[in-house]
PDB file of N, CA and C in Angstrom:
ATOM      1  N   MET A   1       0.891  -0.930  -0.159  1.00  0.00           N
ATOM      2  CA  MET A   1      -0.112  -0.049  -0.034  1.00  0.00           C
ATOM      3  C   MET A   1       0.822   1.410   0.109  1.00  0.00           C
ATOM      4  N   LEU A   2       2.036   1.149   0.862  1.00  0.00           N
ATOM      5  CA  LEU A   2       2.737   2.510   0.902  1.00  0.00           C
ATOM      6  C   LEU A   2       3.508   2.473  -0.213  1.00  0.00           C
ATOM      7  N   LYS A   3       3.940   1.287  -0.985  1.00  0.00           N
ATOM      8  CA  LYS A   3       4.558   1.492  -2.356  1.00  0.00           C
ATOM      9  C   LYS A   3       3.836   1.973  -3.294  1.00  0.00           C
ATOM     10  N   GLU A   4       2.637   1.601  -3.416  1.00  0.00           N
ATOM     11  CA  GLU A   4       1.598   2.420  -4.530  1.00  0.00           C
ATOM     12  C   GLU A   4       1.273   3.581  -4.041  1.00  0.00           C
ATOM     13  N   TYR A   5       1.253   4.158  -2.905  1.00  0.00           N
ATOM     14  CA  TYR A   5       0.996   5.696  -2.787  1.00  0.00           C
ATOM     15  C   TYR A   5       2.098   6.283  -3.205  1.00  0.00           C
ATOM     16  N   LEU A   6       3.423   5.801  -2.776  1.00  0.00           N
ATOM     17  CA  LEU A   6       4.781   6.498  -2.998  1.00  0.00           C
ATOM     18  C   LEU A   6       4.857   6.592  -4.555  1.00  0.00           C
ATOM     19  N   GLU A   7       4.695   5.537  -4.972  1.00  0.00           N
ATOM     20  CA  GLU A   7       4.821   5.453  -6.846  1.00  0.00           C
ATOM     21  C   GLU A   7       3.696   6.506  -7.561  1.00  0.00           C
ATOM     22  N   SER A   8       2.579   6.730  -6.797  1.00  0.00           N
ATOM     23  CA  SER A   8       1.626   7.776  -7.307  1.00  0.00           C
ATOM     24  C   SER A   8       2.175   9.082  -7.073  1.00  0.00           C
ATOM     25  N   LYS A   9       2.981   9.385  -6.016  1.00  0.00           N
ATOM     26  CA  LYS A   9       3.285  10.610  -5.561  1.00  0.00           C
ATOM     27  C   LYS A   9       4.976  10.851  -6.089  1.00  0.00           C
ATOM     28  N   GLU A  10       5.350  10.107  -6.847  1.00  0.00           N
ATOM     29  CA  GLU A  10       6.724   9.791  -7.219  1.00  0.00           C
ATOM     30  C   GLU A  10       7.488  11.138  -7.455  1.00  0.00           C
ATOM     31  N   GLN A  11       7.025  12.131  -8.264  1.00  0.00           N
ATOM     32  CA  GLN A  11       7.534  13.043  -8.336  1.00  0.00           C
ATOM     33  C   GLN A  11       7.341  14.186  -7.198  1.00  0.00           C
ATOM     34  N   GLU A  12       6.614  14.262  -6.476  1.00  0.00           N
ATOM     35  CA  GLU A  12       6.455  14.917  -5.291  1.00  0.00           C
ATOM     36  C   GLU A  12       7.472  14.234  -4.135  1.00  0.00           C
ATOM     37  N   VAL A  13       7.525  13.070  -3.987  1.00  0.00           N
ATOM     38  CA  VAL A  13       8.516  12.517  -3.124  1.00  0.00           C
ATOM     39  C   VAL A  13      10.034  12.880  -3.568  1.00  0.00           C
ATOM     40  N   ALA A  14      10.226  12.961  -5.239  1.00  0.00           N
ATOM     41  CA  ALA A  14      11.589  13.047  -5.582  1.00  0.00           C
ATOM     42  C   ALA A  14      11.946  14.727  -5.142  1.00  0.00           C
ATOM     43  N   ASP A  15      10.938  15.551  -5.257  1.00  0.00           N
ATOM     44  CA  ASP A  15      10.993  16.873  -4.992  1.00  0.00           C
ATOM     45  C   ASP A  15      11.202  17.175  -3.410  1.00  0.00           C
ATOM     46  N   ILE A  16      10.584  16.735  -2.728  1.00  0.00           N
ATOM     47  CA  ILE A  16      10.693  16.639  -1.232  1.00  0.00           C
ATOM     48  C   ILE A  16      12.281  16.208  -0.898  1.00  0.00           C
ATOM     49  N   MET A  17      12.658  15.043  -1.459  1.00  0.00           N
ATOM     50  CA  MET A  17      14.029  14.593  -1.151  1.00  0.00           C
ATOM     51  C   MET A  17      15.109  15.504  -1.860  1.00  0.00           C
ATOM     52  N   MET A  18      14.996  16.252  -2.757  1.00  0.00           N
ATOM     53  CA  MET A  18      15.485  17.043  -3.230  1.00  0.00           C
ATOM     54  C   MET A  18      15.935  18.169  -2.681  1.00  0.00           C
ATOM     55  N   THR A  19      14.777  18.719  -2.034  1.00  0.00           N
ATOM     56  CA  THR A  19      14.808  20.196  -1.095  1.00  0.00           C
ATOM     57  C   THR A  19      15.558  19.613   0.041  1.00  0.00           C
ATOM     58  N   LEU A  20      15.482  18.577   0.926  1.00  0.00           N
ATOM     59  CA  LEU A  20      16.050  18.194   1.893  1.00  0.00           C
ATOM     60  C   LEU A  20      17.328  18.107   1.847  1.00  0.00           C
ATOM     61  N   PHE A  21      18.007  17.547   0.657  1.00  0.00           N
ATOM     62  CA  PHE A  21      19.303  17.483   0.355  1.00  0.00           C
ATOM     63  C   PHE A  21      19.946  18.670  -0.033  1.00  0.00           C
ATOM     64  N   ASP A  22      19.378  19.179  -0.651  1.00  0.00           N
ATOM     65  CA  ASP A  22      19.673  20.997  -1.119  1.00  0.00           C
ATOM     66  C   ASP A  22      19.755  21.660   0.482  1.00  0.00           C
ATOM     67  N   ASP A  23      18.732  21.652   1.182  1.00  0.00           N
ATOM     68  CA  ASP A  23      18.930  22.136   2.638  1.00  0.00           C
ATOM     69  C   ASP A  23      20.068  21.665   3.512  1.00  0.00           C
ATOM     70  N   GLU A  24      20.523  20.257   3.196  1.00  0.00           N
ATOM     71  CA  GLU A  24      21.461  20.049   4.128  1.00  0.00           C
ATOM     72  C   GLU A  24      22.984  20.532   3.421  1.00  0.00           C
ATOM     73  N   GLN A  25      22.971  20.704   2.043  1.00  0.00           N
ATOM     74  CA  GLN A  25      24.365  21.160   1.237  1.00  0.00           C
ATOM     75  C   GLN A  25      24.450  22.345   1.907  1.00  0.00           C
ATOM     76  N   VAL A  26      23.436  23.442   1.776  1.00  0.00           N
ATOM     77  CA  VAL A  26      23.449  24.785   2.456  1.00  0.00           C
ATOM     78  C   VAL A  26      23.959  24.801   3.680  1.00  0.00           C
ATOM     79  N   LEU A  27      23.495  23.889   4.582  1.00  0.00           N
ATOM     80  CA  LEU A  27      24.001  23.913   5.866  1.00  0.00           C
ATOM     81  C   LEU A  27      25.448  23.648   6.163  1.00  0.00           C
ATOM     82  N   GLU A  28      25.942  22.645   5.238  1.00  0.00           N
ATOM     83  CA  GLU A  28      27.221  22.325   5.351  1.00  0.00           C
ATOM     84  C   GLU A  28      27.919  23.065   4.499  1.00  0.00           C
ATOM     85  N   ALA A  29      27.624  23.840   3.831  1.00  0.00           N
ATOM     86  CA  ALA A  29      28.472  25.047   3.188  1.00  0.00           C
ATOM     87  C   ALA A  29      28.607  26.346   4.133  1.00  0.00           C
ATOM     88  N   TYR A  30      27.449  26.419   4.780  1.00  0.00           N
ATOM     89  CA  TYR A  30      27.627  27.560   5.943  1.00  0.00           C
ATOM     90  C   TYR A  30      28.356  27.248   6.882  1.00  0.00           C
ATOM     91  N   ALA A  31      28.434  26.007   7.518  1.00  0.00           N
ATOM     92  CA  ALA A  31      29.230  25.555   8.644  1.00  0.00           C
ATOM     93  C   ALA A  31      30.712  25.618   8.172  1.00  0.00           C
ATOM     94  N   GLU A  32      30.899  25.360   6.925  1.00  0.00           N
ATOM     95  CA  GLU A  32      32.450  25.392   6.211  1.00  0.00           C
ATOM     96  C   GLU A  32      32.793  26.810   6.564  1.00  0.00           C
ATOM     97  N   ASP A  33      32.019  27.798   5.799  1.00  0.00           N
ATOM     98  CA  ASP A  33      32.186  28.931   5.695  1.00  0.00           C
ATOM     99  C   ASP A  33      32.814  29.652   7.241  1.00  0.00           C
ATOM    100  N   ILE A  34      31.787  29.137   8.074  1.00  0.00           N
ATOM    101  CA  ILE A  34      32.012  29.936   9.361  1.00  0.00           C
ATOM    102  C   ILE A  34      33.343  29.353   9.999  1.00  0.00           C
ATOM    103  N   LYS A  35      33.877  28.018   9.494  1.00  0.00           N
ATOM    104  CA  LYS A  35      35.126  27.528   9.994  1.00  0.00           C
ATOM    105  C   LYS A  35      36.197  28.162   9.330  1.00  0.00           C
ATOM    106  N   ASN A  36      36.055  28.401   7.885  1.00  0.00           N
ATOM    107  CA  ASN A  36      36.830  29.260   7.481  1.00  0.00           C
ATOM    108  C   ASN A  36      37.064  30.612   7.969  1.00  0.00           C
ATOM    109  N   SER A  37      36.211  31.522   8.235  1.00  0.00           N
ATOM    110  CA  SER A  37      36.036  32.873   8.819  1.00  0.00           C
ATOM    111  C   SER A  37      36.683  32.876   9.983  1.00  0.00           C
ATOM    112  N   GLU A  38      36.615  31.683  11.056  1.00  0.00           N
ATOM    113  CA  GLU A  38      37.320  31.772  12.071  1.00  0.00           C
ATOM    114  C   GLU A  38      38.591  31.335  12.056  1.00  0.00           C
ATOM    115  N   ALA A  39      38.965  30.746  10.987  1.00  0.00           N
ATOM    116  CA  ALA A  39      40.595  30.296  10.461  1.00  0.00           C
ATOM    117  C   ALA A  39      41.022  31.626  10.530  1.00  0.00           C
ATOM    118  N   ARG A  40      40.544  32.197   9.408  1.00  0.00           N
ATOM    119  CA  ARG A  40      40.783  33.562   9.110  1.00  0.00           C
ATOM    120  C   ARG A  40      41.113  34.469  10.236  1.00  0.00           C
ATOM    121  N   GLU A  41      40.271  34.837  10.886  1.00  0.00           N
ATOM    122  CA  GLU A  41      40.069  35.627  12.040  1.00  0.00           C
ATOM    123  C   GLU A  41      41.398  35.568  12.959  1.00  0.00           C
ATOM    124  N   ASN A  42      41.587  34.095  13.099  1.00  0.00           N
ATOM    125  CA  ASN A  42      42.600  33.486  14.366  1.00  0.00           C
ATOM    126  C   ASN A  42      44.025  33.749  13.738  1.00  0.00           C
ATOM    127  N   ALA A  43      43.850  33.600  12.279  1.00  0.00           N
ATOM    128  CA  ALA A  43      45.231  33.827  11.795  1.00  0.00           C
ATOM    129  C   ALA A  43      45.607  35.165  11.753  1.00  0.00           C
ATOM    130  N   ARG A  44      44.583  35.910  11.513  1.00  0.00           N
ATOM    131  CA  ARG A  44      44.772  37.406  11.256  1.00  0.00           C
ATOM    132  C   ARG A  44      45.608  38.060  12.474  1.00  0.00           C
ATOM    133  N   ILE A  45      44.696  37.705  13.691  1.00  0.00           N
ATOM    134  CA  ILE A  45      45.192  38.124  15.152  1.00  0.00           C
ATOM    135  C   ILE A  45      46.758  37.438  15.347  1.00  0.00           C
ATOM    136  N   MET A  46      46.964  36.365  15.097  1.00  0.00           N
ATOM    137  CA  MET A  46      47.989  35.870  15.379  1.00  0.00           C
ATOM    138  C   MET A  46      49.298  36.365  14.780  1.00  0.00           C
ATOM    139  N   LEU A  47      49.121  36.736  13.396  1.00  0.00           N
ATOM    140  CA  LEU A  47      49.816  37.669  12.525  1.00  0.00           C
ATOM    141  C   LEU A  47      50.021  38.936  12.994  1.00  0.00           C
ATOM    142  N   LYS A  48      48.964  39.590  13.252  1.00  0.00           N
ATOM    143  CA  LYS A  48      49.091  40.954  13.817  1.00  0.00           C
ATOM    144  C   LYS A  48      49.766  40.789  14.980  1.00  0.00           C
ATOM    145  N   ASN A  49      49.616  40.022  16.105  1.00  0.00           N
ATOM    146  CA  ASN A  49      50.548  40.078  17.030  1.00  0.00           C
ATOM    147  C   ASN A  49      52.013  39.395  16.910  1.00  0.00           C
ATOM    148  N   GLY A  50      52.286  38.738  15.897  1.00  0.00           N
ATOM    149  CA  GLY A  50      53.646  38.476  15.747  1.00  0.00           C
ATOM    150  C   GLY A  50      53.514  37.042  16.164  1.00  0.00           C
ATOM    151  N   ARG A  51      52.853  36.412  16.266  1.00  0.00           N
ATOM    152  CA  ARG A  51      52.938  34.880  16.832  1.00  0.00           C
ATOM    153  C   ARG A  51      53.272  33.931  15.745  1.00  0.00           C
ATOM    154  N   ILE A  52      52.793  34.368  14.459  1.00  0.00           N
ATOM    155  CA  ILE A  52      52.954  33.403  13.723  1.00  0.00           C
ATOM    156  C   ILE A  52      53.426  34.303  12.390  1.00  0.00           C
ATOM    157  N   THR A  53      54.072  33.613  11.214  1.00  0.00           N
ATOM    158  CA  THR A  53      54.599  34.251  10.003  1.00  0.00           C
ATOM    159  C   THR A  53      53.393  33.843   9.082  1.00  0.00           C
ATOM    160  N   VAL A  54      53.704  34.819   8.015  1.00  0.00           N
ATOM    161  CA  VAL A  54      52.943  34.423   6.683  1.00  0.00           C
ATOM    162  C   VAL A  54      53.066  32.986   6.360  1.00  0.00           C
ATOM    163  N   GLU A  55      54.083  32.534   6.361  1.00  0.00           N
ATOM    164  CA  GLU A  55      54.562  31.279   5.563  1.00  0.00           C
ATOM    165  C   GLU A  55      54.188  29.866   6.483  1.00  0.00           C
ATOM    166  N   GLU A  56      53.722  30.317   7.809  1.00  0.00           N
ATOM    167  CA  GLU A  56      53.368  29.086   8.600  1.00  0.00           C
ATOM    168  C   GLU A  56      51.711  29.075   8.720  1.00  0.00           C
ATOM    169  N   ILE A  57      51.169  30.231   8.271  1.00  0.00           N
ATOM    170  CA  ILE A  57      49.626  30.062   8.243  1.00  0.00           C
ATOM    171  C   ILE A  57      49.217  28.979   7.737  1.00  0.00           C
ATOM    172  N   PRO A  58      49.639  28.414   6.480  1.00  0.00           N
ATOM    173  CA  PRO A  58      48.997  27.037   5.783  1.00  0.00           C
ATOM    174  C   PRO A  58      49.044  26.022   6.854  1.00  0.00           C
ATOM    175  N   SER A  59      50.322  25.875   7.500  1.00  0.00           N
ATOM    176  CA  SER A  59      50.599  24.726   8.580  1.00  0.00           C
ATOM    177  C   SER A  59      49.614  24.628   9.497  1.00  0.00           C
ATOM    178  N   PHE A  60      49.208  26.078  10.345  1.00  0.00           N
ATOM    179  CA  PHE A  60      48.578  25.890  11.446  1.00  0.00           C
ATOM    180  C   PHE A  60      47.112  25.832  11.124  1.00  0.00           C
ATOM    181  N   PHE A  61      46.749  26.306   9.907  1.00  0.00           N
ATOM    182  CA  PHE A  61      45.451  26.698   9.464  1.00  0.00           C
ATOM    183  C   PHE A  61      45.184  25.982   8.116  1.00  0.00           C
ATOM    184  N   PRO A  62      45.070  24.724   8.270  1.00  0.00           N
ATOM    185  CA  PRO A  62      45.187  23.985   6.893  1.00  0.00           C
ATOM    186  C   PRO A  62      43.959  24.256   5.793  1.00  0.00           C
ATOM    187  N   LYS A  63      42.904  25.095   6.308  1.00  0.00           N
ATOM    188  CA  LYS A  63      42.080  25.429   5.516  1.00  0.00           C
ATOM    189  C   LYS A  63      42.433  26.694   4.651  1.00  0.00           C
ATOM    190  N   LEU A  64      43.524  27.378   5.095  1.00  0.00           N
ATOM    191  CA  LEU A  64      43.979  28.502   4.351  1.00  0.00           C
ATOM    192  C   LEU A  64      45.065  28.230   3.682  1.00  0.00           C
ATOM    193  N   THR A  65      45.045  28.935   2.238  1.00  0.00           N
ATOM    194  CA  THR A  65      46.245  28.674   1.593  1.00  0.00           C
ATOM    195  C   THR A  65      47.156  29.893   1.756  1.00  0.00           C
ATOM    196  N   LEU A  66      48.193  29.656   0.957  1.00  0.00           N
ATOM    197  CA  LEU A  66      49.572  30.885   1.411  1.00  0.00           C
ATOM    198  C   LEU A  66      48.945  31.922   0.584  1.00  0.00           C
ATOM    199  N   GLU A  67      48.191  31.878  -0.573  1.00  0.00           N
ATOM    200  CA  GLU A  67      47.591  32.931  -1.072  1.00  0.00           C
ATOM    201  C   GLU A  67      46.379  33.840   0.155  1.00  0.00           C
ATOM    202  N   ASP A  68      46.028  32.888   0.822  1.00  0.00           N
ATOM    203  CA  ASP A  68      44.922  33.644   1.918  1.00  0.00           C
ATOM    204  C   ASP A  68      45.989  34.172   3.058  1.00  0.00           C
ATOM    205  N   ALA A  69      46.629  33.609   3.050  1.00  0.00           N
ATOM    206  CA  ALA A  69      47.933  34.190   3.979  1.00  0.00           C
ATOM    207  C   ALA A  69      48.575  35.565   3.759  1.00  0.00           C
ATOM    208  N   LYS A  70      48.847  35.564   2.295  1.00  0.00           N
ATOM    209  CA  LYS A  70      49.178  36.870   1.985  1.00  0.00           C
ATOM    210  C   LYS A  70      48.041  37.951   2.061  1.00  0.00           C
ATOM    211  N   GLU A  71      46.922  37.599   1.639  1.00  0.00           N
ATOM    212  CA  GLU A  71      45.707  38.340   1.803  1.00  0.00           C
ATOM    213  C   GLU A  71      45.841  39.040   3.287  1.00  0.00           C
ATOM    214  N   LEU A  72      45.820  37.840   4.043  1.00  0.00           N
ATOM    215  CA  LEU A  72      45.815  38.348   5.727  1.00  0.00           C
ATOM    216  C   LEU A  72      46.755  39.222   6.100  1.00  0.00           C
ATOM    217  N   GLU A  73      47.995  39.430   5.307  1.00  0.00           N
ATOM    218  CA  GLU A  73      49.104  40.114   5.843  1.00  0.00           C
ATOM    219  C   GLU A  73      49.033  41.593   5.098  1.00  0.00           C
ATOM    220  N   ALA A  74      48.193  41.551   4.066  1.00  0.00           N
ATOM    221  CA  ALA A  74      47.974  42.792   3.332  1.00  0.00           C
ATOM    222  C   ALA A  74      47.017  43.745   4.317  1.00  0.00           C
ATOM    223  N   GLU A  75      46.051  42.986   4.921  1.00  0.00           N
ATOM    224  CA  GLU A  75      45.082  43.681   5.687  1.00  0.00           C
ATOM    225  C   GLU A  75      45.371  44.068   6.974  1.00  0.00           C
ATOM    226  N   VAL A  76      46.435  43.181   7.460  1.00  0.00           N
ATOM    227  CA  VAL A  76      47.420  43.618   8.664  1.00  0.00           C
ATOM    228  C   VAL A  76      47.860  44.697   8.549  1.00  0.00           C
ATOM    229  N   MET A  77      48.780  44.994   7.635  1.00  0.00           N
ATOM    230  CA  MET A  77      49.665  46.109   7.398  1.00  0.00           C
ATOM    231  C   MET A  77      48.796  47.394   6.780  1.00  0.00           C
ATOM    232  N   GLN A  78      47.740  46.893   6.478  1.00  0.00           N
ATOM    233  CA  GLN A  78      46.865  48.302   6.387  1.00  0.00           C
ATOM    234  C   GLN A  78      46.445  49.000   7.687  1.00  0.00           C
ATOM    235  N   LEU A  79      46.212  47.922   8.650  1.00  0.00           N
ATOM    236  CA  LEU A  79      45.762  48.288   9.973  1.00  0.00           C
ATOM    237  C   LEU A  79      46.902  49.133  10.722  1.00  0.00           C
ATOM    238  N   VAL A  80      48.061  48.772  10.439  1.00  0.00           N
ATOM    239  CA  VAL A  80      49.100  49.480  11.094  1.00  0.00           C
ATOM    240  C   VAL A  80      49.311  50.796  10.832  1.00  0.00           C
TER     241      VAL A  80
END
C-alpha cells in the first residue's frame, strides 16, 4: 500500500528529497564558511601580534592557503 502511494506521488517525493538534500548542502556550506572565517580571524590576530609568520599560516590553519595568508598580511599591514 505504501509502495503504491509513493509511486503515485513519485515526483512529489523526489522534489521533497531534493529539497532536503539541498538544505543539507546549504547548511554544510554555511558551517564550512564559518570555520574558514574563524580560521582567517585567528590567523589574522596571530599575524598581527607577531605570533606566526605568513608562511606558517597554512601549516597551522590547513583550510587557508598561502594566498589567503598573503591577503591577511595585506589586511594587517593596512591596519598598522
